[in-house]
Amino acid sequence: MDVGGVCYGHRWWAPEAGRNVLPPVVLVHGFAQSAASWDAVARRLAEDRAVYALDLLGCGGSDCPEDPEAYSLAAQGRALAAFVRLVREQAAAPVASTCVGRAASAEDAALAGDEACVGVPAPVSGAAPVGATSPGGAASAGAPTPAGDEAGVGAPASAGSAAPAGSAAPAGAAPAGSAAPVGASAPAGDKAMFHVKPWVVGYSMGGRVLLAAAAADKAFPQFVGGVVLESAGLGPASESDRAAAARADARHAAMLRTKGVKAFFAYWEGLPLFETQRALPDDVRRSVAAERLAHDAESLARAFDCAGQHCMPARGQALETLQRLVAADVSVCYLAGQLDRKYAALAADLQAALPAAAVRIIPGAGHNTHLENLEGFLSAWT
């Protein structure tokens, strides 16, 4: 997908034949990750719906542009909104190859012209993932947004134990067969697959990009059925919080530029926020570390500079954005790990400020709830 001359890659997972009965889901990854990090989640979700995961800038198959502004929350939010529009408007068609669509601009991103087919066999039943990258997209380079969510200032007390599972996305009838990838044109006469609105899930900094998309595109509530924010920041609560976040973001950017990716992540993985991940199986930890180290130091530094926590709108503006979604009958769900004190407390604050939001605390999980408690993550909102 091309937005303003910048290419974004994506992956998609097709549902099993005859089981495409739930709304599609769009997944947005966290800092120093890629769409591939959602594989375990996507395979489960794709048992009965189409699943798409966007590569943010500098990650996976997306470009690594020189312009720092391209990494801003506003710019990537606009790109995510364009991608969700494409998913919403995509028609169903069994395909013989994976086609990656490109749109001329954010304004006409719903049009899937100038397709490039990469000649990958169509997925078989069982929801095997197919990686679809934008034409000409750079290899893994840098993460597009900051670690403001991951390395925020302060750590309030826990919000408590888990709440009951959230309500499921609305179901509806859908034609049998595989979902066409974003940008692939359906043959004339095929029924539209996305007769219901997609749900969008954003983890950590991906949740912040999701908030930016909802804030930037006033029509966003018209083409989404629900949003799920997983361990995502909601913006500085005060100017002193913003100043502290700016100092932390500047320090992290400088560390990346002077010491490099390997030294930075040796420090990063030692932060208290990620302490719970040290108990994960060795192979999982190696996979997480390898994905982080595949990124480019300068792209990660630009993420801190241009889309760090200090760049987020004030807390009140984020709450207004969520209230606007609720008023438009868009389901809003916020997830946090029971062992993640900062974001569990933020979840409690959100519940008090916006009672209509479904707040769920995932038992036994830290910051990355879908990695640390997959079943708890899925049952909380699906």
Protein backbone atom coordinates (compact mmCIF):
# COMPACT_ATOMS: atom_id res chain seq x y z
CA MET A 1 0.00 0.00 0.00
CA ASP A 2 1.37 3.39 -1.02
CA VAL A 3 0.44 6.46 1.03
CA GLY A 4 2.02 9.72 -0.05
CA GLY A 5 4.88 7.92 -1.79
CA VAL A 6 5.68 5.72 1.22
CA CYS A 7 5.05 1.98 0.90
CA TYR A 8 3.60 -0.06 3.77
CA GLY A 9 3.76 -3.85 3.74
CA HIS A 10 1.26 -6.20 5.34
CA ARG A 11 0.55 -9.85 6.07
CA TRP A 12 -2.77 -11.64 5.83
CA TRP A 13 -4.22 -14.89 7.08
CA ALA A 14 -7.18 -16.44 5.28
CA PRO A 15 -10.00 -18.15 7.19
CA GLU A 16 -10.80 -21.79 6.67
CA ALA A 17 -13.11 -22.45 3.75
CA GLY A 18 -16.73 -21.97 4.75
CA ARG A 19 -15.86 -20.46 8.16
CA ASN A 20 -15.49 -16.80 7.25
CA VAL A 21 -18.32 -15.71 9.54
CA LEU A 22 -16.87 -12.94 11.73
CA PRO A 23 -15.69 -9.43 10.88
CA PRO A 24 -12.08 -9.11 9.68
CA VAL A 25 -9.43 -7.98 12.13
CA VAL A 26 -6.53 -5.57 11.53
CA LEU A 27 -3.55 -5.97 13.88
CA VAL A 28 -0.97 -3.23 14.56
CA HIS A 29 2.30 -4.30 16.17
CA GLY A 30 4.46 -2.72 18.84
CA PHE A 31 7.87 -1.10 19.02
CA ALA A 32 10.71 -2.91 17.20
CA GLN A 33 8.33 -5.59 15.94
CA SER A 34 6.63 -6.36 12.62
CA ALA A 35 3.40 -7.86 11.31
CA ALA A 36 5.01 -11.30 11.71
CA SER A 37 4.95 -10.89 15.50
CA TRP A 38 1.18 -11.47 15.39
CA ASP A 39 1.42 -14.94 13.83
CA ALA A 40 0.19 -16.97 16.82
CA VAL A 41 -2.69 -14.55 17.42
CA ALA A 42 -3.59 -14.36 13.73
CA ARG A 43 -3.68 -18.13 13.26
CA ARG A 44 -6.23 -18.42 16.03
CA LEU A 45 -8.35 -15.51 14.84
CA ALA A 46 -8.25 -16.75 11.25
CA GLU A 47 -10.17 -19.88 12.16
CA ASP A 48 -13.33 -17.91 11.39
CA ARG A 49 -12.36 -14.55 9.91
CA ALA A 50 -9.82 -12.82 7.69
CA VAL A 51 -6.88 -11.28 9.56
CA TYR A 52 -4.54 -8.55 8.37
CA ALA A 53 -1.44 -7.12 10.06
CA LEU A 54 0.20 -3.89 8.93
CA ASP A 55 3.96 -3.32 8.95
CA LEU A 56 4.61 0.13 10.35
CA LEU A 57 7.45 2.18 8.92
CA GLY A 58 10.90 0.65 9.07
CA CYS A 59 9.46 -2.75 9.96
CA GLY A 60 8.89 -5.92 7.95
CA GLY A 61 8.10 -5.05 4.36
CA SER A 62 7.52 -1.33 4.86
CA ASP A 63 9.78 1.48 3.69
CA CYS A 64 12.39 3.17 5.85
CA PRO A 65 12.08 6.77 4.59
CA GLU A 66 14.61 9.51 5.22
CA ASP A 67 11.96 12.09 6.10
CA PRO A 68 11.54 12.08 9.89
CA GLU A 69 8.00 13.41 9.60
CA ALA A 70 6.92 10.14 7.97
CA TYR A 71 7.45 8.45 11.36
CA SER A 72 5.11 10.78 13.22
CA LEU A 73 1.99 9.42 14.87
CA ALA A 74 -0.16 11.62 12.64
CA ALA A 75 1.43 10.35 9.40
CA GLN A 76 1.28 6.70 10.40
CA GLY A 77 -2.21 7.17 11.77
CA ARG A 78 -3.34 8.40 8.37
CA ALA A 79 -1.72 5.37 6.75
CA LEU A 80 -3.46 2.99 9.16
CA ALA A 81 -6.81 4.65 8.47
CA ALA A 82 -6.21 4.19 4.73
CA PHE A 83 -5.33 0.53 5.27
CA VAL A 84 -8.46 -0.11 7.35
CA ARG A 85 -10.54 1.51 4.60
CA LEU A 86 -8.98 -0.89 2.12
CA VAL A 87 -9.82 -3.85 4.32
CA ARG A 88 -13.37 -2.59 4.79
CA GLU A 89 -13.93 -2.20 1.08
CA GLN A 90 -12.07 -5.29 -0.08
CA ALA A 91 -14.15 -7.75 -2.09
CA ALA A 92 -13.88 -11.50 -1.61
CA ALA A 93 -12.36 -13.68 -4.30
CA PRO A 94 -10.57 -17.04 -4.21
CA VAL A 95 -7.13 -16.22 -5.56
CA ALA A 96 -4.34 -18.24 -7.14
CA SER A 97 -1.61 -15.88 -6.02
CA THR A 98 -1.00 -13.22 -3.43
CA CYS A 99 -1.54 -9.77 -4.87
CA VAL A 100 -0.28 -6.70 -3.10
CA GLY A 101 -2.28 -3.59 -3.87
CA ARG A 102 -1.01 -0.04 -3.96
CA ALA A 103 -3.02 3.14 -3.77
CA ALA A 104 -1.94 6.46 -5.20
CA SER A 105 -2.53 8.42 -2.00
CA ALA A 106 -4.22 8.32 1.36
CA GLU A 107 -7.24 10.02 -0.17
CA ASP A 108 -7.84 7.28 -2.72
CA ALA A 109 -6.34 4.42 -0.73
CA ALA A 110 -9.59 2.50 -0.98
CA LEU A 111 -8.88 1.99 -4.67
CA ALA A 112 -6.67 -1.01 -5.32
CA GLY A 113 -5.04 -0.30 -8.63
CA ASP A 114 -1.47 -0.94 -9.81
CA GLU A 115 -1.34 -4.39 -8.31
CA ALA A 116 1.83 -6.42 -8.06
CA CYS A 117 1.45 -10.20 -7.80
CA VAL A 118 4.25 -12.03 -6.10
CA GLY A 119 3.25 -15.50 -7.25
CA VAL A 120 2.66 -17.19 -3.91
CA PRO A 121 0.14 -20.04 -3.90
CA ALA A 122 -3.22 -19.28 -2.34
CA PRO A 123 -3.46 -20.27 1.32
CA VAL A 124 -4.96 -23.62 2.15
CA SER A 125 -7.55 -24.13 4.84
CA GLY A 126 -6.11 -24.00 8.32
CA ALA A 127 -5.28 -20.30 8.22
CA ALA A 128 -1.69 -20.55 7.06
CA PRO A 129 -0.27 -17.01 6.89
CA VAL A 130 0.89 -15.39 3.72
CA GLY A 131 3.35 -12.52 3.98
CA ALA A 132 2.45 -9.69 1.65
CA THR A 133 4.87 -6.83 1.36
CA SER A 134 4.63 -3.59 -0.51
CA PRO A 135 6.43 -3.48 -3.84
CA GLY A 136 9.90 -2.13 -3.42
CA GLY A 137 9.55 -2.05 0.37
CA ALA A 138 12.76 -2.06 2.35
CA ALA A 139 13.80 -5.04 4.40
CA SER A 140 13.39 -4.83 8.17
CA ALA A 141 14.89 -1.56 9.18
CA GLY A 142 13.51 0.44 12.08
CA ALA A 143 10.43 0.54 14.24
CA PRO A 144 8.17 3.40 13.31
CA THR A 145 7.06 4.65 16.62
CA PRO A 146 8.58 5.17 19.98
CA ALA A 147 8.81 3.15 23.04
CA GLY A 148 6.93 5.77 24.92
CA ASP A 149 4.36 3.16 25.83
CA GLU A 150 7.02 0.69 26.88
CA ALA A 151 9.20 3.13 28.76
CA GLY A 152 6.74 5.62 30.16
CA VAL A 153 7.39 7.63 33.27
CA GLY A 154 6.15 6.29 36.60
CA ALA A 155 4.55 3.02 37.61
CA PRO A 156 1.27 3.34 39.52
CA ALA A 157 -0.18 0.49 41.50
CA SER A 158 -2.04 -2.41 39.88
CA ALA A 159 -5.70 -2.05 39.02
CA GLY A 160 -6.53 -5.50 40.37
CA SER A 161 -7.63 -8.82 39.04
CA ALA A 162 -9.12 -9.85 35.76
CA ALA A 163 -12.58 -8.79 34.65
CA PRO A 164 -14.95 -11.04 32.71
CA ALA A 165 -14.36 -11.55 29.05
CA GLY A 166 -15.60 -8.86 26.71
CA SER A 167 -18.36 -9.15 24.22
CA ALA A 168 -17.65 -10.73 20.88
CA ALA A 169 -17.45 -8.91 17.60
CA PRO A 170 -20.75 -9.12 15.74
CA ALA A 171 -21.12 -12.11 13.49
CA GLY A 172 -22.62 -12.29 10.06
CA ALA A 173 -22.93 -14.56 7.08
CA ALA A 174 -20.07 -14.55 4.62
CA PRO A 175 -19.34 -16.40 1.41
CA ALA A 176 -17.20 -19.48 1.69
CA GLY A 177 -13.59 -19.43 0.57
CA SER A 178 -10.42 -17.52 1.19
CA ALA A 179 -10.21 -13.80 1.73
CA ALA A 180 -8.49 -11.84 -0.97
CA PRO A 181 -5.44 -9.88 0.19
CA VAL A 182 -5.72 -6.13 0.53
CA GLY A 183 -5.64 -4.52 -2.87
CA ALA A 184 -6.65 -7.59 -4.86
CA SER A 185 -9.58 -6.99 -7.17
CA ALA A 186 -12.55 -9.33 -7.07
CA PRO A 187 -13.90 -10.71 -10.34
CA ALA A 188 -17.16 -9.16 -11.45
CA GLY A 189 -20.16 -10.68 -9.75
CA ASP A 190 -18.38 -11.83 -6.58
CA LYS A 191 -20.07 -10.83 -3.37
CA ALA A 192 -18.38 -8.32 -1.10
CA MET A 193 -16.76 -10.09 1.81
CA PHE A 194 -16.63 -7.24 4.26
CA HIS A 195 -20.32 -6.74 4.82
CA VAL A 196 -19.44 -5.93 8.44
CA LYS A 197 -16.91 -3.49 9.81
CA PRO A 198 -13.41 -4.69 10.76
CA TRP A 199 -12.06 -4.56 14.29
CA VAL A 200 -8.65 -2.94 14.81
CA VAL A 201 -6.23 -4.09 17.53
CA GLY A 202 -3.19 -2.03 18.47
CA TYR A 203 -0.51 -3.24 20.85
CA SER A 204 1.50 -0.68 22.81
CA MET A 205 2.81 1.87 20.31
CA GLY A 206 0.51 0.29 17.72
CA GLY A 207 -2.36 1.32 19.97
CA ARG A 208 -1.06 4.86 19.91
CA VAL A 209 -1.00 4.80 16.11
CA LEU A 210 -4.56 3.49 16.26
CA LEU A 211 -5.57 6.44 18.44
CA ALA A 212 -3.89 8.77 15.95
CA ALA A 213 -5.85 7.18 13.09
CA ALA A 214 -9.13 7.66 14.93
CA ALA A 215 -8.26 11.26 15.73
CA ALA A 216 -7.05 12.15 12.23
CA ASP A 217 -9.89 10.61 10.21
CA LYS A 218 -13.28 11.91 11.33
CA ALA A 219 -14.94 9.18 9.24
CA PHE A 220 -13.05 6.46 11.11
CA PRO A 221 -16.10 5.40 13.18
CA GLN A 222 -18.01 4.76 9.97
CA PHE A 223 -15.76 1.93 8.82
CA VAL A 224 -14.69 0.17 12.04
CA GLY A 225 -16.77 -2.02 14.31
CA GLY A 226 -14.47 -1.95 17.31
CA VAL A 227 -11.04 -0.94 18.56
CA VAL A 228 -8.87 -2.82 21.05
CA LEU A 229 -6.03 -1.00 22.77
CA GLU A 230 -3.54 -3.37 24.35
CA SER A 231 -1.14 -1.78 26.86
CA ALA A 232 -1.29 1.49 24.95
CA GLY A 233 -0.45 4.94 26.23
CA LEU A 234 -3.19 7.57 26.31
CA GLY A 235 -1.01 10.68 26.22
CA PRO A 236 0.64 12.80 28.94
CA ALA A 237 -1.70 13.71 31.79
CA SER A 238 0.22 16.95 32.47
CA GLU A 239 2.91 19.13 30.98
CA SER A 240 5.37 17.86 33.57
CA ASP A 241 4.65 14.32 32.36
CA ARG A 242 5.25 15.47 28.78
CA ALA A 243 8.57 17.06 29.72
CA ALA A 244 9.70 13.89 31.53
CA ALA A 245 8.70 11.77 28.53
CA ALA A 246 10.60 14.11 26.19
CA ARG A 247 13.75 13.67 28.24
CA ALA A 248 13.39 9.89 28.24
CA ASP A 249 12.74 9.79 24.48
CA ALA A 250 15.77 11.99 23.78
CA ARG A 251 17.95 9.78 25.98
CA HIS A 252 16.83 6.62 24.19
CA ALA A 253 17.32 8.14 20.75
CA ALA A 254 20.83 9.23 21.68
CA MET A 255 21.66 5.77 23.01
CA LEU A 256 20.60 4.18 19.74
CA ARG A 257 22.69 6.60 17.69
CA THR A 258 25.81 6.33 19.80
CA LYS A 259 25.81 2.72 21.03
CA GLY A 260 23.82 0.89 18.36
CA VAL A 261 20.94 -1.57 18.36
CA LYS A 262 22.61 -4.44 20.22
CA ALA A 263 23.69 -2.34 23.20
CA PHE A 264 20.36 -0.52 23.28
CA PHE A 265 18.29 -3.69 23.50
CA ALA A 266 20.60 -5.17 26.13
CA TYR A 267 19.51 -2.18 28.21
CA TRP A 268 15.91 -2.21 26.98
CA GLU A 269 15.22 -5.84 27.83
CA GLY A 270 16.43 -5.19 31.37
CA LEU A 271 13.74 -2.60 32.07
CA PRO A 272 11.24 -3.55 34.79
CA LEU A 273 8.44 -3.32 32.22
CA PHE A 274 9.76 -6.47 30.52
CA GLU A 275 10.65 -8.42 33.65
CA THR A 276 7.75 -10.85 33.17
CA GLN A 277 9.07 -11.82 29.73
CA ARG A 278 12.19 -13.31 31.30
CA ALA A 279 10.06 -16.29 32.32
CA LEU A 280 9.03 -17.06 28.73
CA PRO A 281 10.43 -20.20 27.04
CA ASP A 282 13.93 -19.78 25.63
CA ASP A 283 12.81 -20.17 22.02
CA VAL A 284 10.19 -17.44 22.43
CA ARG A 285 12.72 -15.09 24.01
CA ARG A 286 15.21 -15.76 21.20
CA SER A 287 12.55 -15.00 18.60
CA VAL A 288 11.58 -11.73 20.29
CA ALA A 289 15.24 -10.70 20.57
CA ALA A 290 15.99 -11.55 16.94
CA GLU A 291 13.09 -9.46 15.70
CA ARG A 292 14.23 -6.48 17.75
CA LEU A 293 17.83 -6.74 16.57
CA ALA A 294 16.74 -6.84 12.91
CA HIS A 295 15.82 -3.15 13.09
CA ASP A 296 17.82 -0.12 12.05
CA ALA A 297 19.15 2.17 14.79
CA GLU A 298 18.40 5.42 12.99
CA SER A 299 14.78 4.45 12.27
CA LEU A 300 14.27 3.54 15.91
CA ALA A 301 15.85 6.84 16.96
CA ARG A 302 13.54 8.75 14.63
CA ALA A 303 10.64 6.96 16.25
CA PHE A 304 11.63 8.41 19.62
CA ASP A 305 12.24 11.85 18.11
CA CYS A 306 9.07 12.14 16.04
CA ALA A 307 6.51 9.86 17.66
CA GLY A 308 7.67 9.42 21.23
CA GLN A 309 5.28 9.55 24.13
CA HIS A 310 6.01 13.25 24.41
CA CYS A 311 4.52 13.71 20.92
CA MET A 312 1.13 12.27 21.83
CA PRO A 313 -1.85 14.58 22.27
CA ALA A 314 -2.78 15.37 25.86
CA ARG A 315 -4.68 12.73 27.82
CA GLY A 316 -7.91 14.68 27.57
CA GLN A 317 -7.76 14.65 23.76
CA ALA A 318 -7.27 10.87 23.69
CA LEU A 319 -10.30 10.43 25.92
CA GLU A 320 -12.32 12.69 23.61
CA THR A 321 -11.32 10.52 20.65
CA LEU A 322 -12.45 7.38 22.45
CA GLN A 323 -15.69 9.05 23.54
CA ARG A 324 -16.39 9.96 19.93
CA LEU A 325 -15.97 6.31 18.95
CA VAL A 326 -18.31 5.17 21.71
CA ALA A 327 -20.90 7.76 20.69
CA ALA A 328 -20.77 6.34 17.15
CA ASP A 329 -21.50 2.82 18.50
CA VAL A 330 -17.92 1.62 17.98
CA SER A 331 -16.92 -0.88 20.65
CA VAL A 332 -13.90 0.27 22.66
CA CYS A 333 -11.86 -2.23 24.68
CA TYR A 334 -8.70 -1.63 26.70
CA LEU A 335 -6.46 -4.52 27.77
CA ALA A 336 -3.61 -4.51 30.28
CA GLY A 337 -1.62 -7.21 32.02
CA GLN A 338 -2.21 -7.86 35.70
CA LEU A 339 1.55 -7.73 36.29
CA ASP A 340 2.04 -4.50 34.32
CA ARG A 341 1.50 -1.98 37.13
CA LYS A 342 1.67 1.13 34.99
CA TYR A 343 -0.85 0.07 32.35
CA ALA A 344 -3.14 -1.77 34.76
CA ALA A 345 -3.45 1.52 36.63
CA LEU A 346 -4.00 3.38 33.35
CA ALA A 347 -6.77 0.90 32.54
CA ALA A 348 -8.45 1.71 35.86
CA ASP A 349 -8.19 5.42 35.11
CA LEU A 350 -9.77 4.88 31.70
CA GLN A 351 -12.63 2.86 33.21
CA ALA A 352 -13.37 5.73 35.60
CA ALA A 353 -13.20 8.37 32.86
CA LEU A 354 -15.05 6.37 30.20
CA PRO A 355 -17.37 3.78 31.78
CA ALA A 356 -18.65 2.70 28.36
CA ALA A 357 -15.23 1.27 27.51
CA ALA A 358 -14.70 -2.43 28.22
CA VAL A 359 -11.60 -2.64 30.40
CA ARG A 360 -10.04 -6.07 30.86
CA ILE A 361 -7.07 -7.03 33.04
CA ILE A 362 -5.31 -10.15 31.72
CA PRO A 363 -4.24 -12.45 34.57
CA GLY A 364 -0.63 -13.53 34.85
CA ALA A 365 0.53 -11.26 32.02
CA GLY A 366 2.86 -8.30 31.84
CA HIS A 367 3.08 -5.64 29.13
CA ASN A 368 2.68 -7.93 26.10
CA THR A 369 -0.52 -9.75 27.05
CA HIS A 370 -0.94 -11.61 23.75
CA LEU A 371 2.58 -13.04 24.05
CA GLU A 372 2.40 -13.88 27.75
CA ASN A 373 -1.21 -15.11 27.98
CA LEU A 374 -2.63 -15.78 24.52
CA GLU A 375 -5.82 -17.43 25.78
CA GLY A 376 -6.51 -14.60 28.22
CA PHE A 377 -5.89 -12.02 25.50
CA LEU A 378 -8.27 -13.68 23.05
CA SER A 379 -11.05 -14.39 25.54
CA ALA A 380 -11.02 -10.77 26.73
CA TRP A 381 -12.43 -9.34 23.52
CA THR A 382 -13.38 -12.03 20.97
